[in-house]
Amino acid sequence: MTLYTCPWQKRSSGWHPCGVAAKALDAAGHRYEIKVVRGQLSMPWTWLSRRRDRAEVRALSGQNGVPVLVLENGEFIAGSARIAAWAAEHPASAASS
């Protein structure tokens, strides 16, 4: 499983969407890879490279925004609230039993 995030990854104090998604996956006991993509909207100097930097996310999900979780079966879940809900409904311990 792969979680696409901005450079903030898990460093947020609970308010940033990428941190919320990562912490929800952690709380549910999931193991996952983090792939960082650049081109944040809040950083204008990254706007020119945004299209290139987020091409993989766009190809997988049809959107530029992160966080995006790509499951082992190739399905994706976009958005911190949806990722957190999925993690709560699918704890890792239930997946391994």
C-alpha atoms as a PDB file:
ATOM      1  CA  MET A   1       0.000   0.000   0.000  1.00  0.00           C
ATOM      2  CA  THR A   2       1.309   3.469  -0.858  1.00  0.00           C
ATOM      3  CA  LEU A   3       0.337   6.826   0.619  1.00  0.00           C
ATOM      4  CA  TYR A   4       1.095   9.844  -1.559  1.00  0.00           C
ATOM      5  CA  THR A   5       1.632  12.949   0.538  1.00  0.00           C
ATOM      6  CA  CYS A   6       3.090  16.416   0.367  1.00  0.00           C
ATOM      7  CA  PRO A   7       6.449  17.019   2.083  1.00  0.00           C
ATOM      8  CA  TRP A   8       4.668  17.511   5.436  1.00  0.00           C
ATOM      9  CA  GLN A   9       4.011  13.739   5.587  1.00  0.00           C
ATOM     10  CA  LYS A  10       3.363  12.929   9.277  1.00  0.00           C
ATOM     11  CA  ARG A  11       4.903  16.081  10.725  1.00  0.00           C
ATOM     12  CA  SER A  12       1.649  18.000  11.112  1.00  0.00           C
ATOM     13  CA  SER A  13       0.062  18.476  14.487  1.00  0.00           C
ATOM     14  CA  GLY A  14      -3.166  16.774  13.472  1.00  0.00           C
ATOM     15  CA  TRP A  15      -4.632  19.434  11.215  1.00  0.00           C
ATOM     16  CA  HIS A  16      -2.844  18.856   7.907  1.00  0.00           C
ATOM     17  CA  PRO A  17      -4.618  16.377   5.595  1.00  0.00           C
ATOM     18  CA  CYS A  18      -1.485  14.344   4.831  1.00  0.00           C
ATOM     19  CA  GLY A  19      -0.695  13.950   8.523  1.00  0.00           C
ATOM     20  CA  VAL A  20      -4.301  13.054   9.336  1.00  0.00           C
ATOM     21  CA  ALA A  21      -4.268  10.280   6.718  1.00  0.00           C
ATOM     22  CA  ALA A  22      -0.901   8.891   7.808  1.00  0.00           C
ATOM     23  CA  LYS A  23      -1.799   8.931  11.495  1.00  0.00           C
ATOM     24  CA  ALA A  24      -5.112   7.156  10.788  1.00  0.00           C
ATOM     25  CA  LEU A  25      -3.273   4.412   8.923  1.00  0.00           C
ATOM     26  CA  ASP A  26      -0.765   4.138  11.789  1.00  0.00           C
ATOM     27  CA  ALA A  27      -3.555   3.936  14.373  1.00  0.00           C
ATOM     28  CA  ALA A  28      -5.185   1.118  12.400  1.00  0.00           C
ATOM     29  CA  GLY A  29      -1.876  -0.768  12.317  1.00  0.00           C
ATOM     30  CA  HIS A  30      -1.250  -0.545   8.587  1.00  0.00           C
ATOM     31  CA  ARG A  31       2.184  -0.770   7.030  1.00  0.00           C
ATOM     32  CA  TYR A  32       2.604   1.427   3.974  1.00  0.00           C
ATOM     33  CA  GLU A  33       5.132   3.246   1.857  1.00  0.00           C
ATOM     34  CA  ILE A  34       5.094   7.032   1.734  1.00  0.00           C
ATOM     35  CA  LYS A  35       5.761   8.756  -1.573  1.00  0.00           C
ATOM     36  CA  VAL A  36       6.276  12.487  -1.307  1.00  0.00           C
ATOM     37  CA  VAL A  37       5.126  14.712  -4.146  1.00  0.00           C
ATOM     38  CA  ARG A  38       5.964  18.381  -4.401  1.00  0.00           C
ATOM     39  CA  GLY A  39       4.013  21.298  -5.842  1.00  0.00           C
ATOM     40  CA  GLN A  40       2.035  22.637  -2.910  1.00  0.00           C
ATOM     41  CA  LEU A  41      -0.617  25.249  -3.571  1.00  0.00           C
ATOM     42  CA  SER A  42       0.540  27.243  -0.551  1.00  0.00           C
ATOM     43  CA  MET A  43       4.027  27.620  -2.042  1.00  0.00           C
ATOM     44  CA  PRO A  44       3.807  29.657  -5.260  1.00  0.00           C
ATOM     45  CA  TRP A  45       7.424  28.951  -6.193  1.00  0.00           C
ATOM     46  CA  THR A  46       6.445  25.280  -6.714  1.00  0.00           C
ATOM     47  CA  TRP A  47       3.547  25.958  -9.061  1.00  0.00           C
ATOM     48  CA  LEU A  48       5.586  25.673 -12.258  1.00  0.00           C
ATOM     49  CA  SER A  49       6.770  22.169 -11.382  1.00  0.00           C
ATOM     50  CA  ARG A  50       3.427  21.014  -9.941  1.00  0.00           C
ATOM     51  CA  ARG A  51       2.237  19.343 -13.141  1.00  0.00           C
ATOM     52  CA  ARG A  52       5.436  17.326 -13.464  1.00  0.00           C
ATOM     53  CA  ASP A  53       5.792  16.591  -9.753  1.00  0.00           C
ATOM     54  CA  ARG A  54       2.245  15.294  -9.370  1.00  0.00           C
ATOM     55  CA  ALA A  55       1.945  13.421 -12.676  1.00  0.00           C
ATOM     56  CA  GLU A  56       1.995  10.005 -10.976  1.00  0.00           C
ATOM     57  CA  VAL A  57      -0.767  11.003  -8.547  1.00  0.00           C
ATOM     58  CA  ARG A  58      -2.846  12.350 -11.447  1.00  0.00           C
ATOM     59  CA  ALA A  59      -2.329   9.148 -13.453  1.00  0.00           C
ATOM     60  CA  LEU A  60      -3.455   7.004 -10.507  1.00  0.00           C
ATOM     61  CA  SER A  61      -6.367   9.069  -9.227  1.00  0.00           C
ATOM     62  CA  GLY A  62      -7.298  11.600 -11.901  1.00  0.00           C
ATOM     63  CA  GLN A  63      -6.508  14.499  -9.569  1.00  0.00           C
ATOM     64  CA  ASN A  64      -3.498  16.472  -8.359  1.00  0.00           C
ATOM     65  CA  GLY A  65      -4.420  16.641  -4.681  1.00  0.00           C
ATOM     66  CA  VAL A  66      -2.921  14.577  -1.906  1.00  0.00           C
ATOM     67  CA  PRO A  67      -3.209  12.559   0.239  1.00  0.00           C
ATOM     68  CA  VAL A  68      -4.014   9.604  -1.973  1.00  0.00           C
ATOM     69  CA  LEU A  69      -3.813   6.020  -0.734  1.00  0.00           C
ATOM     70  CA  VAL A  70      -3.227   3.302  -3.327  1.00  0.00           C
ATOM     71  CA  LEU A  71      -4.259  -0.128  -2.096  1.00  0.00           C
ATOM     72  CA  GLU A  72      -2.575  -3.410  -2.995  1.00  0.00           C
ATOM     73  CA  ASN A  73      -5.337  -4.204  -5.515  1.00  0.00           C
ATOM     74  CA  GLY A  74      -4.704  -0.915  -7.366  1.00  0.00           C
ATOM     75  CA  GLU A  75      -7.779   0.892  -6.062  1.00  0.00           C
ATOM     76  CA  PHE A  76      -7.227   4.352  -4.642  1.00  0.00           C
ATOM     77  CA  ILE A  77      -8.764   6.430  -1.900  1.00  0.00           C
ATOM     78  CA  ALA A  78      -8.393  10.207  -2.122  1.00  0.00           C
ATOM     79  CA  GLY A  79      -8.685  12.672   0.729  1.00  0.00           C
ATOM     80  CA  SER A  80      -7.779  12.501   4.391  1.00  0.00           C
ATOM     81  CA  ALA A  81     -11.334  11.943   5.666  1.00  0.00           C
ATOM     82  CA  ARG A  82     -11.933   9.054   3.269  1.00  0.00           C
ATOM     83  CA  ILE A  83      -8.548   7.504   4.043  1.00  0.00           C
ATOM     84  CA  ALA A  84      -9.167   7.821   7.796  1.00  0.00           C
ATOM     85  CA  ALA A  85     -12.628   6.252   7.446  1.00  0.00           C
ATOM     86  CA  TRP A  86     -11.232   3.392   5.364  1.00  0.00           C
ATOM     87  CA  ALA A  87      -8.455   2.779   7.905  1.00  0.00           C
ATOM     88  CA  ALA A  88     -10.965   2.686  10.764  1.00  0.00           C
ATOM     89  CA  GLU A  89     -13.197   0.257   8.876  1.00  0.00           C
ATOM     90  CA  HIS A  90     -10.292  -1.969   7.766  1.00  0.00           C
ATOM     91  CA  PRO A  91      -7.827  -2.326  10.643  1.00  0.00           C
ATOM     92  CA  ALA A  92      -4.671  -4.225   9.784  1.00  0.00           C
ATOM     93  CA  SER A  93      -5.324  -6.902  12.410  1.00  0.00           C
ATOM     94  CA  ALA A  94      -8.624  -7.780  10.688  1.00  0.00           C
ATOM     95  CA  ALA A  95      -6.903  -7.936   7.294  1.00  0.00           C
ATOM     96  CA  SER A  96      -4.305 -10.433   8.524  1.00  0.00           C
ATOM     97  CA  SER A  97      -6.766 -12.787  10.242  1.00  0.00           C
END
